[in-house]
Amino acid sequence: MSTLEEQIDIAAPVLAAWEQLHRVHEYPRFVDGVRSAHPHGRNLAHLGVEIDGAERSVDTEITDRGRGRVMAWRTLDPLRLSGAFALLPLDARHTRVQIRVEYDPEAVHLAFGGPRGFAQAGAIERTVREDLRHFRELVEARVGAADGLPDTSHDHPDEPVRST
């Protein structure tokens, strides 16, 4: 298994980020390759995924841990992806979002094709970083709209997503 860890700071309270993570039907708005997402049952979600032209249905299990601060997930098929989001309050209006993704490189290659080795790891890292940026933009825009503020979600396009 390979592991990737990234983090990003967002200008939003923990609760706003937590609620967005649980809006499964909105995953296509910030997760690259997810074309459709539907919750079913108490803690399951069905995702329609497309990567490099390969389409696949993926069922996931989502579990909450850590008193509203950690959401873990795992796929329920041979793809064997798993991970967790951890939300750390920086202050009342700012949150650090950390993600950990564990994946089997060979299973990812067999399911979706594409590169192997360092090229695959680099592609996954870039995708996760971009997904975090999209998540930040979505949450910040939603918080700004609720507060009646102008959309400033694009005010920090050059701010790096940090690897942990």
C-alpha atoms as a PDB file:
ATOM      1  CA  MET A   1       0.000   0.000   0.000  1.00  0.00           C
ATOM      2  CA  SER A   2       1.083   3.553  -0.682  1.00  0.00           C
ATOM      3  CA  THR A   3       0.124   6.499   1.502  1.00  0.00           C
ATOM      4  CA  LEU A   4      -0.353  10.141   0.642  1.00  0.00           C
ATOM      5  CA  GLU A   5      -0.909  12.906   3.205  1.00  0.00           C
ATOM      6  CA  GLU A   6      -1.812  16.511   2.352  1.00  0.00           C
ATOM      7  CA  GLN A   7      -3.336  19.466   4.152  1.00  0.00           C
ATOM      8  CA  ILE A   8      -4.798  22.874   3.400  1.00  0.00           C
ATOM      9  CA  ASP A   9      -6.050  25.768   5.534  1.00  0.00           C
ATOM     10  CA  ILE A  10      -9.475  27.180   4.756  1.00  0.00           C
ATOM     11  CA  ALA A  11     -11.229  30.359   5.878  1.00  0.00           C
ATOM     12  CA  ALA A  12     -14.246  28.619   7.356  1.00  0.00           C
ATOM     13  CA  PRO A  13     -15.305  27.205  10.713  1.00  0.00           C
ATOM     14  CA  VAL A  14     -14.854  23.489  11.355  1.00  0.00           C
ATOM     15  CA  LEU A  15     -18.605  22.898  11.252  1.00  0.00           C
ATOM     16  CA  ALA A  16     -18.897  24.322   7.721  1.00  0.00           C
ATOM     17  CA  ALA A  17     -16.117  22.023   6.457  1.00  0.00           C
ATOM     18  CA  TRP A  18     -17.593  19.046   8.336  1.00  0.00           C
ATOM     19  CA  GLU A  19     -21.018  19.593   6.811  1.00  0.00           C
ATOM     20  CA  GLN A  20     -19.558  19.898   3.301  1.00  0.00           C
ATOM     21  CA  LEU A  21     -17.687  16.605   3.658  1.00  0.00           C
ATOM     22  CA  HIS A  22     -21.034  14.949   4.381  1.00  0.00           C
ATOM     23  CA  ARG A  23     -22.804  16.367   1.308  1.00  0.00           C
ATOM     24  CA  VAL A  24     -22.042  13.255  -0.722  1.00  0.00           C
ATOM     25  CA  HIS A  25     -24.138  14.385  -3.682  1.00  0.00           C
ATOM     26  CA  GLU A  26     -21.775  17.380  -4.067  1.00  0.00           C
ATOM     27  CA  TYR A  27     -18.563  15.311  -4.350  1.00  0.00           C
ATOM     28  CA  PRO A  28     -18.489  15.861  -8.141  1.00  0.00           C
ATOM     29  CA  ARG A  29     -18.025  19.579  -7.418  1.00  0.00           C
ATOM     30  CA  PHE A  30     -14.647  19.059  -5.755  1.00  0.00           C
ATOM     31  CA  VAL A  31     -13.387  15.502  -6.355  1.00  0.00           C
ATOM     32  CA  ASP A  32     -11.773  15.086  -9.769  1.00  0.00           C
ATOM     33  CA  GLY A  33     -13.131  12.143 -11.701  1.00  0.00           C
ATOM     34  CA  VAL A  34     -16.291  11.715  -9.642  1.00  0.00           C
ATOM     35  CA  ARG A  35     -19.160  12.167 -12.106  1.00  0.00           C
ATOM     36  CA  SER A  36     -21.989  11.187  -9.754  1.00  0.00           C
ATOM     37  CA  ALA A  37     -22.340  10.500  -6.046  1.00  0.00           C
ATOM     38  CA  HIS A  38     -25.331   9.253  -4.104  1.00  0.00           C
ATOM     39  CA  PRO A  39     -25.577   8.328  -0.435  1.00  0.00           C
ATOM     40  CA  HIS A  40     -27.432   5.148   0.408  1.00  0.00           C
ATOM     41  CA  GLY A  41     -28.080   3.649   3.781  1.00  0.00           C
ATOM     42  CA  ARG A  42     -26.621   5.054   6.941  1.00  0.00           C
ATOM     43  CA  ASN A  43     -22.965   5.209   5.946  1.00  0.00           C
ATOM     44  CA  LEU A  44     -22.624   4.092   2.325  1.00  0.00           C
ATOM     45  CA  ALA A  45     -22.170   6.026  -0.906  1.00  0.00           C
ATOM     46  CA  HIS A  46     -22.195   5.025  -4.551  1.00  0.00           C
ATOM     47  CA  LEU A  47     -19.798   6.940  -6.802  1.00  0.00           C
ATOM     48  CA  GLY A  48     -19.648   7.005 -10.577  1.00  0.00           C
ATOM     49  CA  VAL A  49     -15.980   7.605 -11.387  1.00  0.00           C
ATOM     50  CA  GLU A  50     -14.145   8.314 -14.635  1.00  0.00           C
ATOM     51  CA  ILE A  51     -10.356   8.495 -14.882  1.00  0.00           C
ATOM     52  CA  ASP A  52      -8.480   8.645 -18.185  1.00  0.00           C
ATOM     53  CA  GLY A  53     -11.633   7.555 -20.003  1.00  0.00           C
ATOM     54  CA  ALA A  54     -12.147   4.461 -17.828  1.00  0.00           C
ATOM     55  CA  GLU A  55     -15.527   4.474 -16.085  1.00  0.00           C
ATOM     56  CA  ARG A  56     -16.182   2.573 -12.908  1.00  0.00           C
ATOM     57  CA  SER A  57     -18.802   2.322 -10.182  1.00  0.00           C
ATOM     58  CA  VAL A  58     -17.377   2.447  -6.685  1.00  0.00           C
ATOM     59  CA  ASP A  59     -19.191   1.779  -3.431  1.00  0.00           C
ATOM     60  CA  THR A  60     -17.703   3.330  -0.324  1.00  0.00           C
ATOM     61  CA  GLU A  61     -18.250   3.129   3.387  1.00  0.00           C
ATOM     62  CA  ILE A  62     -17.984   6.390   5.321  1.00  0.00           C
ATOM     63  CA  THR A  63     -17.575   6.474   9.084  1.00  0.00           C
ATOM     64  CA  ASP A  64     -17.275   9.374  11.502  1.00  0.00           C
ATOM     65  CA  ARG A  65     -14.789   9.331  14.342  1.00  0.00           C
ATOM     66  CA  GLY A  66     -13.258  11.817  16.670  1.00  0.00           C
ATOM     67  CA  ARG A  67     -16.269  13.874  17.761  1.00  0.00           C
ATOM     68  CA  GLY A  68     -17.005  15.546  14.459  1.00  0.00           C
ATOM     69  CA  ARG A  69     -13.388  15.958  13.478  1.00  0.00           C
ATOM     70  CA  VAL A  70     -12.463  12.799  11.518  1.00  0.00           C
ATOM     71  CA  MET A  71     -14.304  11.207   8.621  1.00  0.00           C
ATOM     72  CA  ALA A  72     -12.837   7.907   7.422  1.00  0.00           C
ATOM     73  CA  TRP A  73     -13.748   6.165   4.179  1.00  0.00           C
ATOM     74  CA  ARG A  74     -12.887   3.019   2.261  1.00  0.00           C
ATOM     75  CA  THR A  75     -13.939   1.449  -0.988  1.00  0.00           C
ATOM     76  CA  LEU A  76     -15.846  -1.814  -0.820  1.00  0.00           C
ATOM     77  CA  ASP A  77     -14.343  -3.387  -3.930  1.00  0.00           C
ATOM     78  CA  PRO A  78     -10.971  -4.731  -5.077  1.00  0.00           C
ATOM     79  CA  LEU A  79      -9.735  -1.187  -5.801  1.00  0.00           C
ATOM     80  CA  ARG A  80      -8.775  -1.000  -2.097  1.00  0.00           C
ATOM     81  CA  LEU A  81      -8.673   2.738  -1.523  1.00  0.00           C
ATOM     82  CA  SER A  82      -9.074   4.141   1.951  1.00  0.00           C
ATOM     83  CA  GLY A  83      -8.406   7.313   3.814  1.00  0.00           C
ATOM     84  CA  ALA A  84      -9.527   9.916   6.265  1.00  0.00           C
ATOM     85  CA  PHE A  85     -10.203  13.614   6.526  1.00  0.00           C
ATOM     86  CA  ALA A  86      -9.199  15.292   9.775  1.00  0.00           C
ATOM     87  CA  LEU A  87     -10.445  18.786  10.587  1.00  0.00           C
ATOM     88  CA  LEU A  88      -8.434  20.903  13.000  1.00  0.00           C
ATOM     89  CA  PRO A  89      -9.807  24.254  14.159  1.00  0.00           C
ATOM     90  CA  LEU A  90      -7.173  26.984  13.865  1.00  0.00           C
ATOM     91  CA  ASP A  91      -9.539  29.565  15.344  1.00  0.00           C
ATOM     92  CA  ALA A  92     -13.287  30.235  15.208  1.00  0.00           C
ATOM     93  CA  ARG A  93     -13.216  31.033  11.474  1.00  0.00           C
ATOM     94  CA  HIS A  94     -10.330  28.939  10.105  1.00  0.00           C
ATOM     95  CA  THR A  95      -9.819  25.203   9.735  1.00  0.00           C
ATOM     96  CA  ARG A  96      -6.957  22.972   8.661  1.00  0.00           C
ATOM     97  CA  VAL A  97      -8.145  20.088   6.498  1.00  0.00           C
ATOM     98  CA  GLN A  98      -5.833  17.094   6.470  1.00  0.00           C
ATOM     99  CA  ILE A  99      -6.314  14.123   4.194  1.00  0.00           C
ATOM    100  CA  ARG A 100      -4.660  10.746   4.246  1.00  0.00           C
ATOM    101  CA  VAL A 101      -5.148   8.413   1.276  1.00  0.00           C
ATOM    102  CA  GLU A 102      -3.970   4.808   1.176  1.00  0.00           C
ATOM    103  CA  TYR A 103      -4.026   2.934  -2.110  1.00  0.00           C
ATOM    104  CA  ASP A 104      -2.693  -0.157  -3.821  1.00  0.00           C
ATOM    105  CA  PRO A 105      -0.734   1.159  -6.833  1.00  0.00           C
ATOM    106  CA  GLU A 106      -1.241  -2.009  -8.875  1.00  0.00           C
ATOM    107  CA  ALA A 107      -5.002  -2.078  -8.206  1.00  0.00           C
ATOM    108  CA  VAL A 108      -5.279   1.583  -9.267  1.00  0.00           C
ATOM    109  CA  HIS A 109      -3.326   0.843 -12.447  1.00  0.00           C
ATOM    110  CA  LEU A 110      -5.447  -2.199 -13.287  1.00  0.00           C
ATOM    111  CA  ALA A 111      -8.698  -0.308 -12.687  1.00  0.00           C
ATOM    112  CA  PHE A 112      -7.840   2.924 -14.488  1.00  0.00           C
ATOM    113  CA  GLY A 113      -4.663   2.418 -16.493  1.00  0.00           C
ATOM    114  CA  GLY A 114      -2.249   5.302 -16.606  1.00  0.00           C
ATOM    115  CA  PRO A 115       1.282   5.517 -15.318  1.00  0.00           C
ATOM    116  CA  ARG A 116       3.039   3.400 -12.743  1.00  0.00           C
ATOM    117  CA  GLY A 117       5.651   4.127 -10.116  1.00  0.00           C
ATOM    118  CA  PHE A 118       6.701   7.694  -9.420  1.00  0.00           C
ATOM    119  CA  ALA A 119       4.586   9.033 -12.288  1.00  0.00           C
ATOM    120  CA  GLN A 120       1.468   7.429 -10.781  1.00  0.00           C
ATOM    121  CA  ALA A 121       2.256   8.726  -7.293  1.00  0.00           C
ATOM    122  CA  GLY A 122       2.834  12.212  -8.720  1.00  0.00           C
ATOM    123  CA  ALA A 123      -0.454  12.142 -10.632  1.00  0.00           C
ATOM    124  CA  ILE A 124      -2.376  11.058  -7.521  1.00  0.00           C
ATOM    125  CA  GLU A 125      -0.651  13.728  -5.418  1.00  0.00           C
ATOM    126  CA  ARG A 126      -1.514  16.475  -7.936  1.00  0.00           C
ATOM    127  CA  THR A 127      -5.121  15.301  -8.091  1.00  0.00           C
ATOM    128  CA  VAL A 128      -5.525  15.269  -4.296  1.00  0.00           C
ATOM    129  CA  ARG A 129      -3.986  18.748  -4.015  1.00  0.00           C
ATOM    130  CA  GLU A 130      -6.368  20.092  -6.661  1.00  0.00           C
ATOM    131  CA  ASP A 131      -9.325  18.410  -4.947  1.00  0.00           C
ATOM    132  CA  LEU A 132      -8.376  20.127  -1.679  1.00  0.00           C
ATOM    133  CA  ARG A 133      -8.223  23.495  -3.454  1.00  0.00           C
ATOM    134  CA  HIS A 134     -11.672  22.903  -4.967  1.00  0.00           C
ATOM    135  CA  PHE A 135     -12.987  21.882  -1.541  1.00  0.00           C
ATOM    136  CA  ARG A 136     -11.594  25.074  -0.014  1.00  0.00           C
ATOM    137  CA  GLU A 137     -13.181  27.210  -2.748  1.00  0.00           C
ATOM    138  CA  LEU A 138     -16.554  25.507  -2.310  1.00  0.00           C
ATOM    139  CA  VAL A 139     -16.624  25.819   1.484  1.00  0.00           C
ATOM    140  CA  GLU A 140     -15.334  29.391   1.534  1.00  0.00           C
ATOM    141  CA  ALA A 141     -17.868  30.476  -1.110  1.00  0.00           C
ATOM    142  CA  ARG A 142     -20.685  28.850   0.847  1.00  0.00           C
ATOM    143  CA  VAL A 143     -19.589  30.471   4.135  1.00  0.00           C
ATOM    144  CA  GLY A 144     -19.156  33.834   2.417  1.00  0.00           C
ATOM    145  CA  ALA A 145     -22.622  33.622   0.863  1.00  0.00           C
ATOM    146  CA  ALA A 146     -24.144  32.743   4.252  1.00  0.00           C
ATOM    147  CA  ASP A 147     -22.386  35.742   5.795  1.00  0.00           C
ATOM    148  CA  GLY A 148     -23.400  38.007   2.904  1.00  0.00           C
ATOM    149  CA  LEU A 149     -19.761  38.561   1.913  1.00  0.00           C
ATOM    150  CA  PRO A 150     -18.384  38.739  -1.638  1.00  0.00           C
ATOM    151  CA  ASP A 151     -16.913  35.523  -3.050  1.00  0.00           C
ATOM    152  CA  THR A 152     -13.205  35.563  -2.155  1.00  0.00           C
ATOM    153  CA  SER A 153     -12.623  31.875  -2.844  1.00  0.00           C
ATOM    154  CA  HIS A 154     -10.097  32.727  -5.553  1.00  0.00           C
ATOM    155  CA  ASP A 155      -8.048  35.150  -3.441  1.00  0.00           C
ATOM    156  CA  HIS A 156      -5.313  32.617  -2.711  1.00  0.00           C
ATOM    157  CA  PRO A 157      -4.715  30.653  -5.930  1.00  0.00           C
ATOM    158  CA  ASP A 158      -0.966  30.490  -5.359  1.00  0.00           C
ATOM    159  CA  GLU A 159      -1.159  29.344  -1.736  1.00  0.00           C
ATOM    160  CA  PRO A 160       0.334  25.857  -1.724  1.00  0.00           C
ATOM    161  CA  VAL A 161      -1.318  22.766  -0.430  1.00  0.00           C
ATOM    162  CA  ARG A 162       1.178  21.320   2.009  1.00  0.00           C
ATOM    163  CA  SER A 163       2.291  17.737   2.225  1.00  0.00           C
ATOM    164  CA  THR A 164       2.545  16.418   5.747  1.00  0.00           C
END
